[in-house]
């Protein structure tokens, strides 16, 4: 079922991209939004929580990309599915977190 493999790679790319801001913020000792904050996704979580959440995202992304099907770096469909998942979650996060950190320049007054 190659369609399900591509769906797995899409979500794997999203999880891998989601790991980046959490790992980086946590390693820098900075709080950052996470699903465990109050309110979820808006409040700040500790740097330790962000490192753990980022690592969890890496593990899930690894399983979805490397353990489901036979992901091939030379297979354009596999790479596109993973890349599109990563791009879409990155764009979503840019818009969502930009409102907290001043990144949405068009919304400034």
Protein backbone atom coordinates (compact mmCIF):
# COMPACT_ATOMS: atom_id res chain seq x y z
CA UNK A 1 0.00 0.00 0.00
CA UNK A 2 2.26 2.80 -1.23
CA UNK A 3 -0.37 5.48 -0.53
CA UNK A 4 -0.25 4.71 3.18
CA UNK A 5 3.55 4.80 3.10
CA UNK A 6 3.45 8.28 1.58
CA UNK A 7 1.00 9.38 4.27
CA UNK A 8 3.37 8.00 6.90
CA UNK A 9 6.29 9.91 5.33
CA UNK A 10 4.18 13.10 5.24
CA UNK A 11 3.45 12.91 8.97
CA UNK A 12 6.99 11.75 9.68
CA UNK A 13 8.30 14.92 8.03
CA UNK A 14 5.89 17.00 10.11
CA UNK A 15 7.07 15.37 13.36
CA UNK A 16 10.74 15.78 12.42
CA UNK A 17 10.27 19.46 11.58
CA UNK A 18 8.26 20.00 14.77
CA UNK A 19 11.17 18.67 16.81
CA UNK A 20 13.51 21.48 15.72
CA UNK A 21 12.09 24.50 17.61
CA UNK A 22 11.49 22.46 20.75
CA UNK A 23 14.98 20.94 20.84
CA UNK A 24 16.69 24.23 19.98
CA UNK A 25 14.71 26.29 22.50
CA UNK A 26 15.22 23.69 25.18
CA UNK A 27 18.95 23.38 24.55
CA UNK A 28 19.26 27.17 24.75
CA UNK A 29 17.48 27.08 28.11
CA UNK A 30 14.52 29.05 26.83
CA UNK A 31 10.86 28.33 27.53
CA UNK A 32 8.69 27.75 24.47
CA UNK A 33 5.08 26.87 23.67
CA UNK A 34 4.17 23.19 23.82
CA UNK A 35 1.04 21.06 24.08
CA UNK A 36 1.71 20.73 27.83
CA UNK A 37 1.55 24.46 28.60
CA UNK A 38 -1.53 26.24 29.90
CA UNK A 39 -3.27 27.06 27.65
CA UNK A 40 -1.94 24.32 25.33
CA UNK A 41 0.08 25.68 22.43
CA UNK A 42 0.00 29.22 23.79
CA UNK A 43 1.54 29.21 27.24
CA UNK A 44 5.21 28.49 27.80
CA UNK A 45 6.73 25.18 28.87
CA UNK A 46 10.11 24.79 30.52
CA UNK A 47 13.25 24.12 28.53
CA UNK A 48 13.36 20.57 29.93
CA UNK A 49 9.80 19.83 28.79
CA UNK A 50 10.68 21.17 25.34
CA UNK A 51 13.75 18.96 25.02
CA UNK A 52 11.69 15.92 26.00
CA UNK A 53 8.87 16.88 23.62
CA UNK A 54 11.34 17.50 20.81
CA UNK A 55 13.03 14.15 21.39
CA UNK A 56 9.63 12.42 21.35
CA UNK A 57 8.92 14.09 17.99
CA UNK A 58 12.24 12.80 16.63
CA UNK A 59 11.41 9.25 17.71
CA UNK A 60 7.93 9.37 16.16
CA UNK A 61 9.29 10.96 12.97
CA UNK A 62 11.98 8.27 12.75
CA UNK A 63 9.44 5.49 13.14
CA UNK A 64 7.11 7.00 10.52
CA UNK A 65 9.87 7.63 7.97
CA UNK A 66 12.42 4.89 8.55
CA UNK A 67 10.40 1.97 9.90
CA UNK A 68 7.28 2.15 7.72
CA UNK A 69 7.75 0.96 4.17
CA UNK A 70 11.08 1.39 2.45
CA UNK A 71 11.81 5.15 2.40
CA UNK A 72 14.27 5.99 -0.35
CA UNK A 73 16.24 9.23 -0.63
CA UNK A 74 16.33 8.67 -4.39
CA UNK A 75 12.58 8.14 -4.61
CA UNK A 76 11.11 11.53 -5.46
CA UNK A 77 7.64 10.64 -4.15
CA UNK A 78 8.99 9.59 -0.76
CA UNK A 79 11.10 12.73 -0.38
CA UNK A 80 8.30 15.01 -1.58
CA UNK A 81 5.81 13.50 0.88
CA UNK A 82 8.24 13.95 3.77
CA UNK A 83 9.27 17.44 2.62
CA UNK A 84 5.71 18.66 2.13
CA UNK A 85 4.80 17.46 5.63
CA UNK A 86 7.80 19.35 7.04
CA UNK A 87 7.04 22.49 4.99
CA UNK A 88 3.37 22.63 5.95
CA UNK A 89 3.99 22.23 9.68
CA UNK A 90 6.77 24.84 9.45
CA UNK A 91 4.44 27.32 7.74
CA UNK A 92 1.70 26.62 10.27
CA UNK A 93 4.12 27.18 13.15
CA UNK A 94 5.47 30.37 11.57
CA UNK A 95 1.96 31.82 11.55
CA UNK A 96 0.87 30.39 14.91
CA UNK A 97 3.98 31.23 16.93
CA UNK A 98 4.65 34.45 15.01
CA UNK A 99 1.78 36.08 16.84
CA UNK A 100 3.56 35.42 20.16
CA UNK A 101 7.07 36.34 19.07
CA UNK A 102 6.50 39.19 16.63
CA UNK A 103 7.09 37.18 13.46
CA UNK A 104 3.85 38.11 11.70
CA UNK A 105 4.97 41.44 10.27
CA UNK A 106 1.76 41.95 8.25
CA UNK A 107 -0.29 41.92 11.47
CA UNK A 108 1.75 44.68 13.14
CA UNK A 109 0.25 48.11 13.46
